[in-house]
Amino acid sequence: MWQEFNNNPVGRKVGDCAVRAVSAALDLPWESAYALMASNGFAMGDMPSSNAVWGAVLRQNGFSRQNIADTCPDCYTFADFANDNPVGVFVVCTGTHVATIKNGVILDAWDSSNEIPQFVWYKA
C-alpha cells in the first residue's frame, strides 16, 4: 500500500527522494536529513543524493544493506516488497529512485508501487 509522504518544506516532488527516504526512515525532519546527507557528502567528496552518501547515513544509524534477488527482475515491485515485509523499516532503491517502506506502507511523494527494487536497507 502507498501513502503520500512529502515533507519537503516547499512541496517539491523531484530530485529529493533520497532526503525524503532518509527522513522517513530515521524519523527526522526533511531539513535534518538533508543536513546529515550534506555533511556526509562533504566529508566523502560526493553529492548528498549519491547512493554512497545516503547509504552511509543509514549505516551510521544501524541499517544494513542487502541486494534483492533477481529471480524475477521485471515483476517484483515495491508493492510486492511491502506486502512481503509487513513489519519493520526498509529503504528500497531502484538505482535511480528510493523510498521508505514502514510496516508494509510505501512512503513516497508519488505512487512508486510498481517500481522494481534492486537493493534494500533495513534496520538490523
PDB file of N, CA and C in Angstrom:
ATOM      1  N   MET A   1       0.840  -1.180   0.000  1.00  0.00           N
ATOM      2  CA  MET A   1       0.000   0.000   0.000  1.00  0.00           C
ATOM      3  C   MET A   1       0.888   1.247   0.000  1.00  0.00           C
ATOM      4  N   TRP A   2       0.481   2.246  -0.761  1.00  0.00           N
ATOM      5  CA  TRP A   2       1.196   3.517  -0.848  1.00  0.00           C
ATOM      6  C   TRP A   2       0.474   4.579  -0.041  1.00  0.00           C
ATOM      7  N   GLN A   3       1.277   5.411   0.644  1.00  0.00           N
ATOM      8  CA  GLN A   3       0.744   6.577   1.356  1.00  0.00           C
ATOM      9  C   GLN A   3       1.590   7.768   0.955  1.00  0.00           C
ATOM     10  N   GLU A   4       0.943   8.836   0.553  1.00  0.00           N
ATOM     11  CA  GLU A   4       1.705  10.021   0.158  1.00  0.00           C
ATOM     12  C   GLU A   4       2.514  10.544   1.344  1.00  0.00           C
ATOM     13  N   PHE A   5       3.794  10.777   1.074  1.00  0.00           N
ATOM     14  CA  PHE A   5       4.701  11.340   2.078  1.00  0.00           C
ATOM     15  C   PHE A   5       5.600  12.326   1.359  1.00  0.00           C
ATOM     16  N   ASN A   6       5.433  13.578   1.670  1.00  0.00           N
ATOM     17  CA  ASN A   6       6.293  14.607   1.096  1.00  0.00           C
ATOM     18  C   ASN A   6       6.498  15.699   2.121  1.00  0.00           C
ATOM     19  N   ASN A   7       7.580  15.553   2.879  1.00  0.00           N
ATOM     20  CA  ASN A   7       7.862  16.550   3.909  1.00  0.00           C
ATOM     21  C   ASN A   7       8.849  17.611   3.425  1.00  0.00           C
ATOM     22  N   ASN A   8       9.055  17.696   2.108  1.00  0.00           N
ATOM     23  CA  ASN A   8       9.876  18.767   1.552  1.00  0.00           C
ATOM     24  C   ASN A   8       9.253  20.093   1.967  1.00  0.00           C
ATOM     25  N   PRO A   9      10.047  21.005   2.525  1.00  0.00           N
ATOM     26  CA  PRO A   9       9.474  22.241   3.082  1.00  0.00           C
ATOM     27  C   PRO A   9       8.778  23.130   2.060  1.00  0.00           C
ATOM     28  N   VAL A  10       9.072  22.971   0.769  1.00  0.00           N
ATOM     29  CA  VAL A  10       8.379  23.766  -0.247  1.00  0.00           C
ATOM     30  C   VAL A  10       7.534  22.880  -1.168  1.00  0.00           C
ATOM     31  N   GLY A  11       7.347  21.626  -0.783  1.00  0.00           N
ATOM     32  CA  GLY A  11       6.458  20.735  -1.505  1.00  0.00           C
ATOM     33  C   GLY A  11       7.002  20.147  -2.794  1.00  0.00           C
ATOM     34  N   ARG A  12       8.293  20.239  -3.036  1.00  0.00           N
ATOM     35  CA  ARG A  12       8.864  19.668  -4.257  1.00  0.00           C
ATOM     36  C   ARG A  12       8.750  18.155  -4.243  1.00  0.00           C
ATOM     37  N   LYS A  13       8.612  17.584  -5.432  1.00  0.00           N
ATOM     38  CA  LYS A  13       8.477  16.139  -5.571  1.00  0.00           C
ATOM     39  C   LYS A  13       9.550  15.557  -6.484  1.00  0.00           C
ATOM     40  N   VAL A  14      10.528  16.354  -6.868  1.00  0.00           N
ATOM     41  CA  VAL A  14      11.543  15.901  -7.813  1.00  0.00           C
ATOM     42  C   VAL A  14      12.933  16.198  -7.254  1.00  0.00           C
ATOM     43  N   GLY A  15      13.801  15.205  -7.329  1.00  0.00           N
ATOM     44  CA  GLY A  15      15.200  15.438  -7.002  1.00  0.00           C
ATOM     45  C   GLY A  15      15.583  15.244  -5.548  1.00  0.00           C
ATOM     46  N   ASP A  16      14.625  15.027  -4.659  1.00  0.00           N
ATOM     47  CA  ASP A  16      14.974  14.890  -3.252  1.00  0.00           C
ATOM     48  C   ASP A  16      14.477  13.583  -2.651  1.00  0.00           C
ATOM     49  N   CYS A  17      14.277  12.563  -3.480  1.00  0.00           N
ATOM     50  CA  CYS A  17      13.736  11.304  -2.956  1.00  0.00           C
ATOM     51  C   CYS A  17      14.635  10.706  -1.878  1.00  0.00           C
ATOM     52  N   ALA A  18      15.955  10.842  -2.022  1.00  0.00           N
ATOM     53  CA  ALA A  18      16.857  10.290  -1.014  1.00  0.00           C
ATOM     54  C   ALA A  18      16.686  11.022   0.319  1.00  0.00           C
ATOM     55  N   VAL A  19      16.505  12.325   0.268  1.00  0.00           N
ATOM     56  CA  VAL A  19      16.304  13.098   1.501  1.00  0.00           C
ATOM     57  C   VAL A  19      14.992  12.671   2.164  1.00  0.00           C
ATOM     58  N   ARG A  20      13.935  12.550   1.363  1.00  0.00           N
ATOM     59  CA  ARG A  20      12.653  12.121   1.920  1.00  0.00           C
ATOM     60  C   ARG A  20      12.741  10.721   2.511  1.00  0.00           C
ATOM     61  N   ALA A  21      13.441   9.817   1.815  1.00  0.00           N
ATOM     62  CA  ALA A  21      13.557   8.436   2.297  1.00  0.00           C
ATOM     63  C   ALA A  21      14.348   8.373   3.605  1.00  0.00           C
ATOM     64  N   VAL A  22      15.467   9.072   3.681  1.00  0.00           N
ATOM     65  CA  VAL A  22      16.261   9.092   4.914  1.00  0.00           C
ATOM     66  C   VAL A  22      15.450   9.741   6.031  1.00  0.00           C
ATOM     67  N   SER A  23      14.759  10.812   5.713  1.00  0.00           N
ATOM     68  CA  SER A  23      13.918  11.495   6.693  1.00  0.00           C
ATOM     69  C   SER A  23      12.865  10.549   7.264  1.00  0.00           C
ATOM     70  N   ALA A  24      12.183   9.829   6.384  1.00  0.00           N
ATOM     71  CA  ALA A  24      11.134   8.910   6.833  1.00  0.00           C
ATOM     72  C   ALA A  24      11.720   7.742   7.626  1.00  0.00           C
ATOM     73  N   ALA A  25      12.832   7.197   7.156  1.00  0.00           N
ATOM     74  CA  ALA A  25      13.437   6.035   7.820  1.00  0.00           C
ATOM     75  C   ALA A  25      13.949   6.376   9.211  1.00  0.00           C
ATOM     76  N   LEU A  26      14.507   7.578   9.359  1.00  0.00           N
ATOM     77  CA  LEU A  26      15.104   7.962  10.640  1.00  0.00           C
ATOM     78  C   LEU A  26      14.178   8.831  11.494  1.00  0.00           C
ATOM     79  N   ASP A  27      12.954   9.059  11.026  1.00  0.00           N
ATOM     80  CA  ASP A  27      12.002   9.925  11.742  1.00  0.00           C
ATOM     81  C   ASP A  27      12.601  11.298  12.029  1.00  0.00           C
ATOM     82  N   LEU A  28      13.161  11.887  10.976  1.00  0.00           N
ATOM     83  CA  LEU A  28      13.763  13.211  11.081  1.00  0.00           C
ATOM     84  C   LEU A  28      13.008  14.196  10.201  1.00  0.00           C
ATOM     85  N   PRO A  29      13.041  15.478  10.550  1.00  0.00           N
ATOM     86  CA  PRO A  29      12.526  16.477   9.616  1.00  0.00           C
ATOM     87  C   PRO A  29      13.371  16.458   8.337  1.00  0.00           C
ATOM     88  N   TRP A  30      12.790  16.867   7.226  1.00  0.00           N
ATOM     89  CA  TRP A  30      13.476  16.913   5.939  1.00  0.00           C
ATOM     90  C   TRP A  30      14.796  17.675   6.056  1.00  0.00           C
ATOM     91  N   GLU A  31      14.759  18.822   6.732  1.00  0.00           N
ATOM     92  CA  GLU A  31      15.950  19.663   6.859  1.00  0.00           C
ATOM     93  C   GLU A  31      17.080  18.947   7.602  1.00  0.00           C
ATOM     94  N   SER A  32      16.759  18.183   8.631  1.00  0.00           N
ATOM     95  CA  SER A  32      17.786  17.455   9.394  1.00  0.00           C
ATOM     96  C   SER A  32      18.393  16.335   8.560  1.00  0.00           C
ATOM     97  N   ALA A  33      17.549  15.632   7.802  1.00  0.00           N
ATOM     98  CA  ALA A  33      18.059  14.579   6.923  1.00  0.00           C
ATOM     99  C   ALA A  33      18.973  15.178   5.865  1.00  0.00           C
ATOM    100  N   TYR A  34      18.569  16.302   5.286  1.00  0.00           N
ATOM    101  CA  TYR A  34      19.388  16.977   4.278  1.00  0.00           C
ATOM    102  C   TYR A  34      20.731  17.388   4.862  1.00  0.00           C
ATOM    103  N   ALA A  35      20.725  17.947   6.076  1.00  0.00           N
ATOM    104  CA  ALA A  35      21.963  18.390   6.714  1.00  0.00           C
ATOM    105  C   ALA A  35      22.908  17.202   6.967  1.00  0.00           C
ATOM    106  N   LEU A  36      22.364  16.074   7.422  1.00  0.00           N
ATOM    107  CA  LEU A  36      23.192  14.875   7.611  1.00  0.00           C
ATOM    108  C   LEU A  36      23.818  14.421   6.301  1.00  0.00           C
ATOM    109  N   MET A  37      23.000  14.390   5.248  1.00  0.00           N
ATOM    110  CA  MET A  37      23.487  13.952   3.953  1.00  0.00           C
ATOM    111  C   MET A  37      24.506  14.935   3.380  1.00  0.00           C
ATOM    112  N   ALA A  38      24.279  16.224   3.569  1.00  0.00           N
ATOM    113  CA  ALA A  38      25.208  17.233   3.065  1.00  0.00           C
ATOM    114  C   ALA A  38      26.553  17.141   3.767  1.00  0.00           C
ATOM    115  N   SER A  39      26.535  16.963   5.086  1.00  0.00           N
ATOM    116  CA  SER A  39      27.816  16.869   5.804  1.00  0.00           C
ATOM    117  C   SER A  39      28.544  15.585   5.445  1.00  0.00           C
ATOM    118  N   ASN A  40      27.817  14.487   5.281  1.00  0.00           N
ATOM    119  CA  ASN A  40      28.453  13.238   4.842  1.00  0.00           C
ATOM    120  C   ASN A  40      29.000  13.391   3.429  1.00  0.00           C
ATOM    121  N   GLY A  41      28.221  14.020   2.563  1.00  0.00           N
ATOM    122  CA  GLY A  41      28.667  14.237   1.192  1.00  0.00           C
ATOM    123  C   GLY A  41      29.931  15.077   1.138  1.00  0.00           C
ATOM    124  N   PHE A  42      29.986  16.111   1.961  1.00  0.00           N
ATOM    125  CA  PHE A  42      31.176  16.956   2.022  1.00  0.00           C
ATOM    126  C   PHE A  42      32.382  16.145   2.468  1.00  0.00           C
ATOM    127  N   ALA A  43      32.211  15.345   3.520  1.00  0.00           N
ATOM    128  CA  ALA A  43      33.311  14.531   4.048  1.00  0.00           C
ATOM    129  C   ALA A  43      33.757  13.466   3.044  1.00  0.00           C
ATOM    130  N   MET A  44      32.815  12.961   2.252  1.00  0.00           N
ATOM    131  CA  MET A  44      33.117  11.897   1.301  1.00  0.00           C
ATOM    132  C   MET A  44      33.499  12.436  -0.078  1.00  0.00           C
ATOM    133  N   GLY A  45      33.372  13.750  -0.276  1.00  0.00           N
ATOM    134  CA  GLY A  45      33.666  14.337  -1.583  1.00  0.00           C
ATOM    135  C   GLY A  45      32.669  13.912  -2.640  1.00  0.00           C
ATOM    136  N   ASP A  46      31.412  13.804  -2.246  1.00  0.00           N
ATOM    137  CA  ASP A  46      30.372  13.322  -3.158  1.00  0.00           C
ATOM    138  C   ASP A  46      29.092  14.133  -2.923  1.00  0.00           C
ATOM    139  N   MET A  47      28.150  13.996  -3.815  1.00  0.00           N
ATOM    140  CA  MET A  47      26.886  14.710  -3.695  1.00  0.00           C
ATOM    141  C   MET A  47      26.012  14.077  -2.603  1.00  0.00           C
ATOM    142  N   PRO A  48      25.235  14.883  -1.889  1.00  0.00           N
ATOM    143  CA  PRO A  48      24.391  14.342  -0.820  1.00  0.00           C
ATOM    144  C   PRO A  48      23.426  13.255  -1.279  1.00  0.00           C
ATOM    145  N   SER A  49      22.966  13.326  -2.523  1.00  0.00           N
ATOM    146  CA  SER A  49      21.984  12.363  -3.008  1.00  0.00           C
ATOM    147  C   SER A  49      22.590  11.099  -3.615  1.00  0.00           C
ATOM    148  N   SER A  50      23.913  10.977  -3.601  1.00  0.00           N
ATOM    149  CA  SER A  50      24.505   9.760  -4.171  1.00  0.00           C
ATOM    150  C   SER A  50      24.191   8.567  -3.265  1.00  0.00           C
ATOM    151  N   ASN A  51      24.054   7.407  -3.881  1.00  0.00           N
ATOM    152  CA  ASN A  51      23.737   6.195  -3.117  1.00  0.00           C
ATOM    153  C   ASN A  51      24.753   5.957  -2.003  1.00  0.00           C
ATOM    154  N   ALA A  52      26.021   6.221  -2.271  1.00  0.00           N
ATOM    155  CA  ALA A  52      27.060   6.003  -1.259  1.00  0.00           C
ATOM    156  C   ALA A  52      26.869   6.916  -0.051  1.00  0.00           C
ATOM    157  N   VAL A  53      26.468   8.154  -0.292  1.00  0.00           N
ATOM    158  CA  VAL A  53      26.325   9.126   0.797  1.00  0.00           C
ATOM    159  C   VAL A  53      25.112   8.820   1.658  1.00  0.00           C
ATOM    160  N   TRP A  54      23.938   8.711   1.049  1.00  0.00           N
ATOM    161  CA  TRP A  54      22.761   8.432   1.894  1.00  0.00           C
ATOM    162  C   TRP A  54      22.834   7.041   2.488  1.00  0.00           C
ATOM    163  N   GLY A  55      23.491   6.104   1.795  1.00  0.00           N
ATOM    164  CA  GLY A  55      23.699   4.775   2.362  1.00  0.00           C
ATOM    165  C   GLY A  55      24.570   4.830   3.607  1.00  0.00           C
ATOM    166  N   ALA A  56      25.594   5.672   3.572  1.00  0.00           N
ATOM    167  CA  ALA A  56      26.460   5.832   4.748  1.00  0.00           C
ATOM    168  C   ALA A  56      25.677   6.404   5.925  1.00  0.00           C
ATOM    169  N   VAL A  57      24.774   7.340   5.654  1.00  0.00           N
ATOM    170  CA  VAL A  57      23.933   7.902   6.724  1.00  0.00           C
ATOM    171  C   VAL A  57      23.098   6.789   7.351  1.00  0.00           C
ATOM    172  N   LEU A  58      22.500   5.950   6.516  1.00  0.00           N
ATOM    173  CA  LEU A  58      21.704   4.847   7.057  1.00  0.00           C
ATOM    174  C   LEU A  58      22.574   3.870   7.841  1.00  0.00           C
ATOM    175  N   ARG A  59      23.737   3.531   7.306  1.00  0.00           N
ATOM    176  CA  ARG A  59      24.648   2.604   8.002  1.00  0.00           C
ATOM    177  C   ARG A  59      25.037   3.165   9.372  1.00  0.00           C
ATOM    178  N   GLN A  60      25.313   4.462   9.425  1.00  0.00           N
ATOM    179  CA  GLN A  60      25.682   5.103  10.690  1.00  0.00           C
ATOM    180  C   GLN A  60      24.536   5.077  11.700  1.00  0.00           C
ATOM    181  N   ASN A  61      23.346   4.812  11.211  1.00  0.00           N
ATOM    182  CA  ASN A  61      22.158   4.772  12.072  1.00  0.00           C
ATOM    183  C   ASN A  61      21.590   3.368  12.219  1.00  0.00           C
ATOM    184  N   GLY A  62      22.452   2.356  12.042  1.00  0.00           N
ATOM    185  CA  GLY A  62      22.071   0.984  12.353  1.00  0.00           C
ATOM    186  C   GLY A  62      21.438   0.182  11.242  1.00  0.00           C
ATOM    187  N   PHE A  63      21.433   0.697  10.009  1.00  0.00           N
ATOM    188  CA  PHE A  63      20.868  -0.037   8.887  1.00  0.00           C
ATOM    189  C   PHE A  63      21.941  -0.867   8.194  1.00  0.00           C
ATOM    190  N   SER A  64      21.509  -1.945   7.570  1.00  0.00           N
ATOM    191  CA  SER A  64      22.382  -2.808   6.771  1.00  0.00           C
ATOM    192  C   SER A  64      21.791  -2.899   5.373  1.00  0.00           C
ATOM    193  N   ARG A  65      22.663  -3.167   4.403  1.00  0.00           N
ATOM    194  CA  ARG A  65      22.219  -3.243   3.005  1.00  0.00           C
ATOM    195  C   ARG A  65      22.199  -4.685   2.518  1.00  0.00           C
ATOM    196  N   GLN A  66      21.228  -4.979   1.676  1.00  0.00           N
ATOM    197  CA  GLN A  66      21.126  -6.301   1.067  1.00  0.00           C
ATOM    198  C   GLN A  66      20.590  -6.144  -0.350  1.00  0.00           C
ATOM    199  N   ASN A  67      21.176  -6.869  -1.298  1.00  0.00           N
ATOM    200  CA  ASN A  67      20.634  -6.894  -2.653  1.00  0.00           C
ATOM    201  C   ASN A  67      19.348  -7.705  -2.661  1.00  0.00           C
ATOM    202  N   ILE A  68      18.468  -7.373  -3.574  1.00  0.00           N
ATOM    203  CA  ILE A  68      17.224  -8.120  -3.728  1.00  0.00           C
ATOM    204  C   ILE A  68      17.423  -9.143  -4.833  1.00  0.00           C
ATOM    205  N   ALA A  69      17.028 -10.359  -4.570  1.00  0.00           N
ATOM    206  CA  ALA A  69      17.210 -11.456  -5.536  1.00  0.00           C
ATOM    207  C   ALA A  69      16.632 -11.076  -6.890  1.00  0.00           C
ATOM    208  N   ASP A  70      17.347 -11.456  -7.921  1.00  0.00           N
ATOM    209  CA  ASP A  70      16.984 -11.112  -9.287  1.00  0.00           C
ATOM    210  C   ASP A  70      16.257 -12.269  -9.971  1.00  0.00           C
ATOM    211  N   THR A  71      15.425 -12.985  -9.213  1.00  0.00           N
ATOM    212  CA  THR A  71      14.746 -14.150  -9.777  1.00  0.00           C
ATOM    213  C   THR A  71      13.643 -13.756 -10.749  1.00  0.00           C
ATOM    214  N   CYS A  72      13.094 -12.591 -10.572  1.00  0.00           N
ATOM    215  CA  CYS A  72      12.058 -12.089 -11.488  1.00  0.00           C
ATOM    216  C   CYS A  72      12.294 -10.589 -11.631  1.00  0.00           C
ATOM    217  N   PRO A  73      13.297 -10.194 -12.393  1.00  0.00           N
ATOM    218  CA  PRO A  73      13.731  -8.800 -12.393  1.00  0.00           C
ATOM    219  C   PRO A  73      12.699  -7.779 -12.851  1.00  0.00           C
ATOM    220  N   ASP A  74      11.677  -8.208 -13.569  1.00  0.00           N
ATOM    221  CA  ASP A  74      10.688  -7.257 -14.052  1.00  0.00           C
ATOM    222  C   ASP A  74       9.324  -7.398 -13.392  1.00  0.00           C
ATOM    223  N   CYS A  75       9.222  -8.272 -12.397  1.00  0.00           N
ATOM    224  CA  CYS A  75       7.883  -8.477 -11.833  1.00  0.00           C
ATOM    225  C   CYS A  75       7.822  -8.270 -10.323  1.00  0.00           C
ATOM    226  N   TYR A  76       8.940  -8.199  -9.621  1.00  0.00           N
ATOM    227  CA  TYR A  76       8.911  -7.982  -8.170  1.00  0.00           C
ATOM    228  C   TYR A  76       9.000  -6.483  -7.920  1.00  0.00           C
ATOM    229  N   THR A  77       7.964  -5.908  -7.339  1.00  0.00           N
ATOM    230  CA  THR A  77       7.834  -4.463  -7.213  1.00  0.00           C
ATOM    231  C   THR A  77       7.967  -3.990  -5.763  1.00  0.00           C
ATOM    232  N   PHE A  78       7.994  -2.663  -5.602  1.00  0.00           N
ATOM    233  CA  PHE A  78       7.954  -2.079  -4.259  1.00  0.00           C
ATOM    234  C   PHE A  78       6.722  -2.596  -3.518  1.00  0.00           C
ATOM    235  N   ALA A  79       5.582  -2.675  -4.207  1.00  0.00           N
ATOM    236  CA  ALA A  79       4.350  -3.158  -3.575  1.00  0.00           C
ATOM    237  C   ALA A  79       4.510  -4.602  -3.105  1.00  0.00           C
ATOM    238  N   ASP A  80       5.144  -5.442  -3.923  1.00  0.00           N
ATOM    239  CA  ASP A  80       5.402  -6.825  -3.522  1.00  0.00           C
ATOM    240  C   ASP A  80       6.298  -6.861  -2.292  1.00  0.00           C
ATOM    241  N   PHE A  81       7.353  -6.039  -2.306  1.00  0.00           N
ATOM    242  CA  PHE A  81       8.263  -5.997  -1.162  1.00  0.00           C
ATOM    243  C   PHE A  81       7.508  -5.566   0.095  1.00  0.00           C
ATOM    244  N   ALA A  82       6.669  -4.546  -0.028  1.00  0.00           N
ATOM    245  CA  ALA A  82       5.892  -4.068   1.117  1.00  0.00           C
ATOM    246  C   ALA A  82       4.977  -5.166   1.652  1.00  0.00           C
ATOM    247  N   ASN A  83       4.334  -5.899   0.757  1.00  0.00           N
ATOM    248  CA  ASN A  83       3.452  -6.994   1.178  1.00  0.00           C
ATOM    249  C   ASN A  83       4.232  -8.122   1.849  1.00  0.00           C
ATOM    250  N   ASP A  84       5.442  -8.382   1.373  1.00  0.00           N
ATOM    251  CA  ASP A  84       6.278  -9.444   1.944  1.00  0.00           C
ATOM    252  C   ASP A  84       6.930  -9.037   3.261  1.00  0.00           C
ATOM    253  N   ASN A  85       6.925  -7.733   3.568  1.00  0.00           N
ATOM    254  CA  ASN A  85       7.590  -7.215   4.771  1.00  0.00           C
ATOM    255  C   ASN A  85       6.648  -6.282   5.524  1.00  0.00           C
ATOM    256  N   PRO A  86       5.633  -6.853   6.182  1.00  0.00           N
ATOM    257  CA  PRO A  86       4.624  -6.026   6.839  1.00  0.00           C
ATOM    258  C   PRO A  86       5.077  -5.367   8.141  1.00  0.00           C
ATOM    259  N   VAL A  87       6.247  -5.751   8.619  1.00  0.00           N
ATOM    260  CA  VAL A  87       6.749  -5.174   9.869  1.00  0.00           C
ATOM    261  C   VAL A  87       8.198  -4.732   9.655  1.00  0.00           C
ATOM    262  N   GLY A  88       8.512  -3.524  10.087  1.00  0.00           N
ATOM    263  CA  GLY A  88       9.877  -3.029  10.020  1.00  0.00           C
ATOM    264  C   GLY A  88      10.009  -1.796   9.153  1.00  0.00           C
ATOM    265  N   VAL A  89      11.242  -1.283   9.135  1.00  0.00           N
ATOM    266  CA  VAL A  89      11.570  -0.088   8.356  1.00  0.00           C
ATOM    267  C   VAL A  89      12.582  -0.490   7.299  1.00  0.00           C
ATOM    268  N   PHE A  90      12.262  -0.189   6.038  1.00  0.00           N
ATOM    269  CA  PHE A  90      13.100  -0.561   4.908  1.00  0.00           C
ATOM    270  C   PHE A  90      13.238   0.633   3.972  1.00  0.00           C
ATOM    271  N   VAL A  91      14.417   0.815   3.421  1.00  0.00           N
ATOM    272  CA  VAL A  91      14.635   1.830   2.404  1.00  0.00           C
ATOM    273  C   VAL A  91      14.977   1.072   1.127  1.00  0.00           C
ATOM    274  N   VAL A  92      14.063   1.121   0.160  1.00  0.00           N
ATOM    275  CA  VAL A  92      14.219   0.350  -1.075  1.00  0.00           C
ATOM    276  C   VAL A  92      14.671   1.273  -2.199  1.00  0.00           C
ATOM    277  N   CYS A  93      15.520   0.736  -3.066  1.00  0.00           N
ATOM    278  CA  CYS A  93      16.123   1.559  -4.107  1.00  0.00           C
ATOM    279  C   CYS A  93      16.116   0.847  -5.452  1.00  0.00           C
ATOM    280  N   THR A  94      15.816   1.608  -6.494  1.00  0.00           N
ATOM    281  CA  THR A  94      15.846   1.081  -7.858  1.00  0.00           C
ATOM    282  C   THR A  94      17.210   1.298  -8.499  1.00  0.00           C
ATOM    283  N   GLY A  95      18.022   2.125  -7.921  1.00  0.00           N
ATOM    284  CA  GLY A  95      19.258   2.585  -8.535  1.00  0.00           C
ATOM    285  C   GLY A  95      19.136   4.062  -8.885  1.00  0.00           C
ATOM    286  N   THR A  96      17.909   4.494  -9.237  1.00  0.00           N
ATOM    287  CA  THR A  96      17.667   5.906  -9.551  1.00  0.00           C
ATOM    288  C   THR A  96      16.555   6.522  -8.706  1.00  0.00           C
ATOM    289  N   HIS A  97      15.861   5.717  -7.940  1.00  0.00           N
ATOM    290  CA  HIS A  97      14.809   6.220  -7.054  1.00  0.00           C
ATOM    291  C   HIS A  97      14.865   5.441  -5.741  1.00  0.00           C
ATOM    292  N   VAL A  98      14.468   6.101  -4.681  1.00  0.00           N
ATOM    293  CA  VAL A  98      14.497   5.483  -3.363  1.00  0.00           C
ATOM    294  C   VAL A  98      13.273   5.929  -2.566  1.00  0.00           C
ATOM    295  N   ALA A  99      12.729   4.996  -1.780  1.00  0.00           N
ATOM    296  CA  ALA A  99      11.582   5.293  -0.930  1.00  0.00           C
ATOM    297  C   ALA A  99      11.672   4.450   0.336  1.00  0.00           C
ATOM    298  N   THR A 100      10.997   4.888   1.357  1.00  0.00           N
ATOM    299  CA  THR A 100      10.951   4.143   2.614  1.00  0.00           C
ATOM    300  C   THR A 100       9.649   3.358   2.692  1.00  0.00           C
ATOM    301  N   ILE A 101       9.767   2.127   3.186  1.00  0.00           N
ATOM    302  CA  ILE A 101       8.598   1.301   3.478  1.00  0.00           C
ATOM    303  C   ILE A 101       8.601   1.050   4.977  1.00  0.00           C
ATOM    304  N   LYS A 102       7.545   1.493   5.636  1.00  0.00           N
ATOM    305  CA  LYS A 102       7.395   1.293   7.081  1.00  0.00           C
ATOM    306  C   LYS A 102       6.170   0.443   7.327  1.00  0.00           C
ATOM    307  N   ASN A 103       6.392  -0.690   7.979  1.00  0.00           N
ATOM    308  CA  ASN A 103       5.291  -1.576   8.345  1.00  0.00           C
ATOM    309  C   ASN A 103       4.336  -1.835   7.178  1.00  0.00           C
ATOM    310  N   GLY A 104       4.930  -2.136   6.021  1.00  0.00           N
ATOM    311  CA  GLY A 104       4.162  -2.505   4.847  1.00  0.00           C
ATOM    312  C   GLY A 104       3.577  -1.353   4.052  1.00  0.00           C
ATOM    313  N   VAL A 105       3.891  -0.114   4.429  1.00  0.00           N
ATOM    314  CA  VAL A 105       3.350   1.058   3.735  1.00  0.00           C
ATOM    315  C   VAL A 105       4.486   1.791   3.024  1.00  0.00           C
ATOM    316  N   ILE A 106       4.322   1.997   1.720  1.00  0.00           N
ATOM    317  CA  ILE A 106       5.306   2.738   0.925  1.00  0.00           C
ATOM    318  C   ILE A 106       5.072   4.219   1.174  1.00  0.00           C
ATOM    319  N   LEU A 107       6.084   4.887   1.699  1.00  0.00           N
ATOM    320  CA  LEU A 107       6.006   6.326   1.958  1.00  0.00           C
ATOM    321  C   LEU A 107       6.780   7.040   0.856  1.00  0.00           C
ATOM    322  N   ASP A 108       6.067   7.746   0.000  1.00  0.00           N
ATOM    323  CA  ASP A 108       6.710   8.395  -1.139  1.00  0.00           C
ATOM    324  C   ASP A 108       5.837   9.556  -1.605  1.00  0.00           C
ATOM    325  N   ALA A 109       6.432  10.494  -2.318  1.00  0.00           N
ATOM    326  CA  ALA A 109       5.708  11.660  -2.812  1.00  0.00           C
ATOM    327  C   ALA A 109       4.790  11.306  -3.978  1.00  0.00           C
ATOM    328  N   TRP A 110       5.011  10.167  -4.586  1.00  0.00           N
ATOM    329  CA  TRP A 110       4.176   9.687  -5.685  1.00  0.00           C
ATOM    330  C   TRP A 110       4.052   8.176  -5.548  1.00  0.00           C
ATOM    331  N   ASP A 111       3.099   7.591  -6.223  1.00  0.00           N
ATOM    332  CA  ASP A 111       2.851   6.157  -6.090  1.00  0.00           C
ATOM    333  C   ASP A 111       3.909   5.359  -6.850  1.00  0.00           C
ATOM    334  N   SER A 112       4.912   4.934  -6.114  1.00  0.00           N
ATOM    335  CA  SER A 112       6.033   4.178  -6.696  1.00  0.00           C
ATOM    336  C   SER A 112       5.844   2.672  -6.523  1.00  0.00           C
ATOM    337  N   SER A 113       4.625   2.239  -6.283  1.00  0.00           N
ATOM    338  CA  SER A 113       4.324   0.828  -6.035  1.00  0.00           C
ATOM    339  C   SER A 113       4.849  -0.111  -7.113  1.00  0.00           C
ATOM    340  N   ASN A 114       4.865   0.332  -8.369  1.00  0.00           N
ATOM    341  CA  ASN A 114       5.274  -0.530  -9.474  1.00  0.00           C
ATOM    342  C   ASN A 114       6.756  -0.444  -9.818  1.00  0.00           C
ATOM    343  N   GLU A 115       7.529   0.315  -9.038  1.00  0.00           N
ATOM    344  CA  GLU A 115       8.971   0.377  -9.265  1.00  0.00           C
ATOM    345  C   GLU A 115       9.610  -0.964  -8.911  1.00  0.00           C
ATOM    346  N   ILE A 116      10.726  -1.279  -9.543  1.00  0.00           N
ATOM    347  CA  ILE A 116      11.424  -2.547  -9.345  1.00  0.00           C
ATOM    348  C   ILE A 116      12.636  -2.311  -8.434  1.00  0.00           C
ATOM    349  N   PRO A 117      12.627  -2.844  -7.220  1.00  0.00           N
ATOM    350  CA  PRO A 117      13.757  -2.611  -6.309  1.00  0.00           C
ATOM    351  C   PRO A 117      14.974  -3.464  -6.666  1.00  0.00           C
ATOM    352  N   GLN A 118      16.147  -2.861  -6.496  1.00  0.00           N
ATOM    353  CA  GLN A 118      17.408  -3.580  -6.705  1.00  0.00           C
ATOM    354  C   GLN A 118      18.073  -3.948  -5.383  1.00  0.00           C
ATOM    355  N   PHE A 119      17.965  -3.035  -4.417  1.00  0.00           N
ATOM    356  CA  PHE A 119      18.543  -3.321  -3.101  1.00  0.00           C
ATOM    357  C   PHE A 119      17.728  -2.636  -2.025  1.00  0.00           C
ATOM    358  N   VAL A 120      17.979  -3.065  -0.789  1.00  0.00           N
ATOM    359  CA  VAL A 120      17.219  -2.549   0.340  1.00  0.00           C
ATOM    360  C   VAL A 120      18.151  -2.318   1.522  1.00  0.00           C
ATOM    361  N   TRP A 121      17.877  -1.266   2.245  1.00  0.00           N
ATOM    362  CA  TRP A 121      18.497  -1.015   3.542  1.00  0.00           C
ATOM    363  C   TRP A 121      17.464  -1.358   4.596  1.00  0.00           C
ATOM    364  N   TYR A 122      17.879  -2.048   5.644  1.00  0.00           N
ATOM    365  CA  TYR A 122      16.940  -2.459   6.685  1.00  0.00           C
ATOM    366  C   TYR A 122      17.611  -2.266   8.041  1.00  0.00           C
ATOM    367  N   LYS A 123      16.783  -2.067   9.034  1.00  0.00           N
ATOM    368  CA  LYS A 123      17.284  -1.896  10.401  1.00  0.00           C
ATOM    369  C   LYS A 123      17.578  -3.270  10.966  1.00  0.00           C
ATOM    370  N   ALA A 124      18.826  -3.490  11.290  1.00  0.00           N
ATOM    371  CA  ALA A 124      19.252  -4.816  11.795  1.00  0.00           C
ATOM    372  C   ALA A 124      18.810  -5.045  13.222  1.00  0.00           C
TER     373      ALA A 124
END
